[in-house]
Amino acid sequence: MPTNYVLIDFENVQPKNLNILANHPFKVFVFIGASQIKVPRYVAVAMQALGDRAKYVEIDGNGPNALDFHIAYYIGELAAADSAGHFHIISKDKGFDPLIRHLKGKNIQVRRESDLAEIPNLRIPKKAKKDDKIDAIVKNLVSRGQSRPRKVKTLQNVISNLVSETLDEAGLAALVDELQKRKLIVVNKGNIKYTLPT
């Protein structure tokens, strides 16, 4: 089984769900910008739980895309040492996409995900029961804090990225309806208000 490497652009994404990696044999690199002087407690606790599978990479110096260049360098170095590895860049920065296309052309398995829960190995399995799907969706939404989807369509896109199977509009609508039935969300004219557990 190939090793999965997770490279987190911490200037761009501060994942609150790092703990979902705890039961998986991933190697995690959190890239911290030179001006980021504090790491939130929840990140430090989750990184500590990962033990020697997790590492902080502090960027020395500021500049446009300085952190991105460090991630690109690390992928090259790791891919040279482990050509069968799978690489996951966690960032909303689409500037990584040309690099990813280039690396894929060199048969390096690399993807960009905006959230840890979008990593294929962590996605909700096709045969998952409805309760398991709802639990996973809620966990993802809770982890997003204030950056949760505000519109039904955006929420459906988030759900689509979390579920391994391809869901049609009716399947996505059914999951949104289930969230409403369980009083986890309130939908009003396409807008969403959350009543999620803390």
Protein backbone atom coordinates (compact mmCIF):
# COMPACT_ATOMS: atom_id res chain seq x y z
CA MET A 1 0.00 0.00 0.00
CA PRO A 2 1.46 3.40 -0.99
CA THR A 3 2.33 5.97 1.66
CA ASN A 4 0.06 9.01 1.71
CA TYR A 5 1.78 12.36 2.32
CA VAL A 6 -0.37 15.29 3.43
CA LEU A 7 1.14 18.76 2.91
CA ILE A 8 -0.94 21.49 4.53
CA ASP A 9 -0.70 25.11 3.36
CA PHE A 10 -1.36 26.55 6.83
CA GLU A 11 -1.41 30.13 5.55
CA ASN A 12 -4.38 29.17 3.39
CA VAL A 13 -6.17 26.43 5.39
CA GLN A 14 -6.19 25.90 9.15
CA PRO A 15 -7.96 22.53 9.40
CA LYS A 16 -9.87 21.86 12.59
CA ASN A 17 -10.24 18.19 11.70
CA LEU A 18 -6.59 17.04 11.78
CA ASN A 19 -7.71 14.35 14.21
CA ILE A 20 -9.34 12.41 11.34
CA LEU A 21 -5.82 11.43 10.23
CA ALA A 22 -5.05 9.76 13.58
CA ASN A 23 -6.12 6.24 12.55
CA HIS A 24 -4.48 6.34 9.13
CA PRO A 25 -0.83 5.77 8.25
CA PHE A 26 -0.37 9.21 6.70
CA LYS A 27 2.71 11.40 6.98
CA VAL A 28 1.68 14.99 7.66
CA PHE A 29 3.62 18.19 6.98
CA VAL A 30 2.16 21.50 8.19
CA PHE A 31 3.80 24.44 6.41
CA ILE A 32 3.74 27.58 8.56
CA GLY A 33 4.48 31.04 7.16
CA ALA A 34 7.15 33.27 8.66
CA SER A 35 4.52 35.71 9.96
CA GLN A 36 2.41 33.01 11.61
CA ILE A 37 3.64 33.21 15.17
CA LYS A 38 0.92 31.09 16.82
CA VAL A 39 -0.45 27.62 16.18
CA PRO A 40 -3.94 27.00 17.59
CA ARG A 41 -4.16 24.56 20.47
CA TYR A 42 -6.37 22.11 18.51
CA VAL A 43 -3.68 21.85 15.82
CA ALA A 44 -0.88 21.31 18.34
CA VAL A 45 -2.87 18.57 20.13
CA ALA A 46 -3.73 16.79 16.87
CA MET A 47 -0.12 17.01 15.63
CA GLN A 48 1.18 15.64 18.92
CA ALA A 49 -1.23 12.69 18.66
CA LEU A 50 0.24 11.86 15.23
CA GLY A 51 3.69 11.50 16.83
CA ASP A 52 6.60 11.00 14.45
CA ARG A 53 4.23 10.91 11.47
CA ALA A 54 3.73 14.68 11.75
CA LYS A 55 6.14 17.55 11.21
CA TYR A 56 5.98 21.34 11.17
CA VAL A 57 7.86 23.08 8.38
CA GLU A 58 8.57 26.71 9.24
CA ILE A 59 9.14 29.01 6.29
CA ASP A 60 12.16 31.27 6.61
CA GLY A 61 11.37 34.67 5.12
CA ASN A 62 8.38 36.33 3.47
CA GLY A 63 7.50 36.84 -0.15
CA PRO A 64 4.84 36.08 -2.71
CA ASN A 65 4.24 32.31 -2.83
CA ALA A 66 7.16 31.59 -0.48
CA LEU A 67 5.21 28.87 1.29
CA ASP A 68 3.96 27.41 -2.01
CA PHE A 69 7.53 27.05 -3.27
CA HIS A 70 8.45 25.17 -0.10
CA ILE A 71 5.56 22.74 -0.63
CA ALA A 72 6.64 22.22 -4.25
CA TYR A 73 10.21 21.52 -3.10
CA TYR A 74 9.08 19.02 -0.48
CA ILE A 75 6.89 17.14 -2.95
CA GLY A 76 9.86 16.84 -5.31
CA GLU A 77 12.13 15.64 -2.52
CA LEU A 78 9.57 13.15 -1.17
CA ALA A 79 8.64 11.88 -4.65
CA ALA A 80 12.33 11.28 -5.45
CA ALA A 81 12.60 9.15 -2.31
CA ASP A 82 9.19 7.44 -2.71
CA SER A 83 7.99 7.40 -6.32
CA ALA A 84 4.95 5.27 -5.38
CA GLY A 85 3.75 7.76 -2.76
CA HIS A 86 0.46 9.61 -2.97
CA PHE A 87 0.62 13.34 -2.24
CA HIS A 88 -2.20 15.56 -0.98
CA ILE A 89 -1.80 19.34 -0.97
CA ILE A 90 -4.38 20.81 1.41
CA SER A 91 -5.01 24.32 0.12
CA LYS A 92 -7.70 26.42 -1.53
CA ASP A 93 -4.97 28.03 -3.65
CA LYS A 94 -5.59 27.07 -7.29
CA GLY A 95 -2.06 28.27 -8.07
CA PHE A 96 -0.93 24.72 -7.24
CA ASP A 97 -2.98 23.24 -10.10
CA PRO A 98 -0.43 23.79 -12.93
CA LEU A 99 2.24 22.13 -10.77
CA ILE A 100 -0.13 19.22 -10.08
CA ARG A 101 -0.82 18.75 -13.80
CA HIS A 102 2.93 18.74 -14.48
CA LEU A 103 3.63 16.21 -11.72
CA LYS A 104 0.80 13.95 -12.91
CA GLY A 105 2.45 14.02 -16.34
CA LYS A 106 5.53 12.60 -14.59
CA ASN A 107 3.36 9.81 -13.08
CA ILE A 108 3.45 11.31 -9.59
CA GLN A 109 0.16 10.77 -7.76
CA VAL A 110 -0.74 14.22 -6.44
CA ARG A 111 -4.01 16.02 -5.71
CA ARG A 112 -5.14 19.27 -4.16
CA GLU A 113 -7.98 19.18 -1.67
CA SER A 114 -9.43 22.16 0.18
CA ASP A 115 -10.29 20.03 3.22
CA LEU A 116 -8.76 16.92 4.78
CA ALA A 117 -12.10 15.10 4.53
CA GLU A 118 -11.82 15.26 0.71
CA ILE A 119 -8.82 12.90 0.68
CA PRO A 120 -10.13 9.79 -1.11
CA ASN A 121 -9.05 7.38 1.65
CA LEU A 122 -11.04 9.46 4.15
CA ARG A 123 -14.17 9.94 2.07
CA ILE A 124 -17.47 8.36 3.04
CA PRO A 125 -17.56 4.84 1.48
CA LYS A 126 -20.13 4.03 -1.21
CA LYS A 127 -21.92 1.48 0.94
CA ALA A 128 -22.06 3.61 4.09
CA LYS A 129 -25.39 3.69 5.89
CA LYS A 130 -27.38 6.92 5.96
CA ASP A 131 -26.57 7.53 9.64
CA ASP A 132 -22.83 7.15 8.95
CA LYS A 133 -23.06 9.58 6.04
CA ILE A 134 -24.88 12.16 8.14
CA ASP A 135 -22.37 11.75 11.00
CA ALA A 136 -19.44 12.29 8.61
CA ILE A 137 -21.10 15.32 7.00
CA VAL A 138 -21.82 16.87 10.40
CA LYS A 139 -18.24 16.23 11.57
CA ASN A 140 -16.94 17.98 8.45
CA LEU A 141 -19.29 20.95 8.86
CA VAL A 142 -18.38 21.34 12.54
CA SER A 143 -14.68 21.32 11.62
CA ARG A 144 -15.21 24.21 9.17
CA GLY A 145 -16.15 26.65 11.92
CA GLN A 146 -17.27 29.97 10.42
CA SER A 147 -16.42 28.90 6.86
CA ARG A 148 -19.42 26.59 6.46
CA PRO A 149 -21.45 26.80 3.24
CA ARG A 150 -24.14 29.47 3.41
CA LYS A 151 -26.17 28.28 0.40
CA VAL A 152 -27.81 24.90 -0.28
CA LYS A 153 -25.96 24.50 -3.59
CA THR A 154 -22.59 25.03 -1.89
CA LEU A 155 -23.52 22.55 0.83
CA GLN A 156 -24.42 20.01 -1.86
CA ASN A 157 -20.98 20.54 -3.44
CA VAL A 158 -19.33 19.90 -0.05
CA ILE A 159 -21.37 16.70 0.40
CA SER A 160 -20.53 15.57 -3.13
CA ASN A 161 -16.80 15.94 -2.35
CA LEU A 162 -17.16 13.93 0.86
CA VAL A 163 -19.00 10.94 -0.58
CA SER A 164 -17.14 8.34 -2.66
CA GLU A 165 -20.17 7.53 -4.79
CA THR A 166 -21.47 9.88 -7.45
CA LEU A 167 -24.73 11.34 -6.20
CA ASP A 168 -27.33 12.88 -8.49
CA GLU A 169 -29.33 15.98 -7.54
CA ALA A 170 -31.99 13.82 -5.84
CA GLY A 171 -29.38 11.99 -3.74
CA LEU A 172 -27.76 15.25 -2.63
CA ALA A 173 -31.17 16.81 -1.91
CA ALA A 174 -32.11 13.76 0.20
CA LEU A 175 -29.03 14.23 2.42
CA VAL A 176 -29.74 17.95 2.82
CA ASP A 177 -33.37 17.08 3.69
CA GLU A 178 -32.11 14.57 6.27
CA LEU A 179 -29.94 17.28 7.87
CA GLN A 180 -33.08 19.43 8.10
CA LYS A 181 -35.19 16.60 9.56
CA ARG A 182 -32.57 16.09 12.26
CA LYS A 183 -32.70 19.83 12.97
CA LEU A 184 -29.00 20.25 12.18
CA ILE A 185 -29.68 22.94 9.59
CA VAL A 186 -32.50 25.34 8.77
CA VAL A 187 -33.01 26.26 5.11
CA ASN A 188 -34.76 29.50 4.21
CA LYS A 189 -34.94 30.57 0.55
CA GLY A 190 -31.76 28.64 -0.29
CA ASN A 191 -29.84 30.08 2.68
CA ILE A 192 -28.62 27.85 5.51
CA LYS A 193 -28.54 28.43 9.24
CA TYR A 194 -26.66 25.82 11.29
CA THR A 195 -27.73 24.25 14.58
CA LEU A 196 -24.85 21.78 14.78
CA PRO A 197 -23.45 20.23 17.97
CA THR A 198 -20.36 21.98 19.33
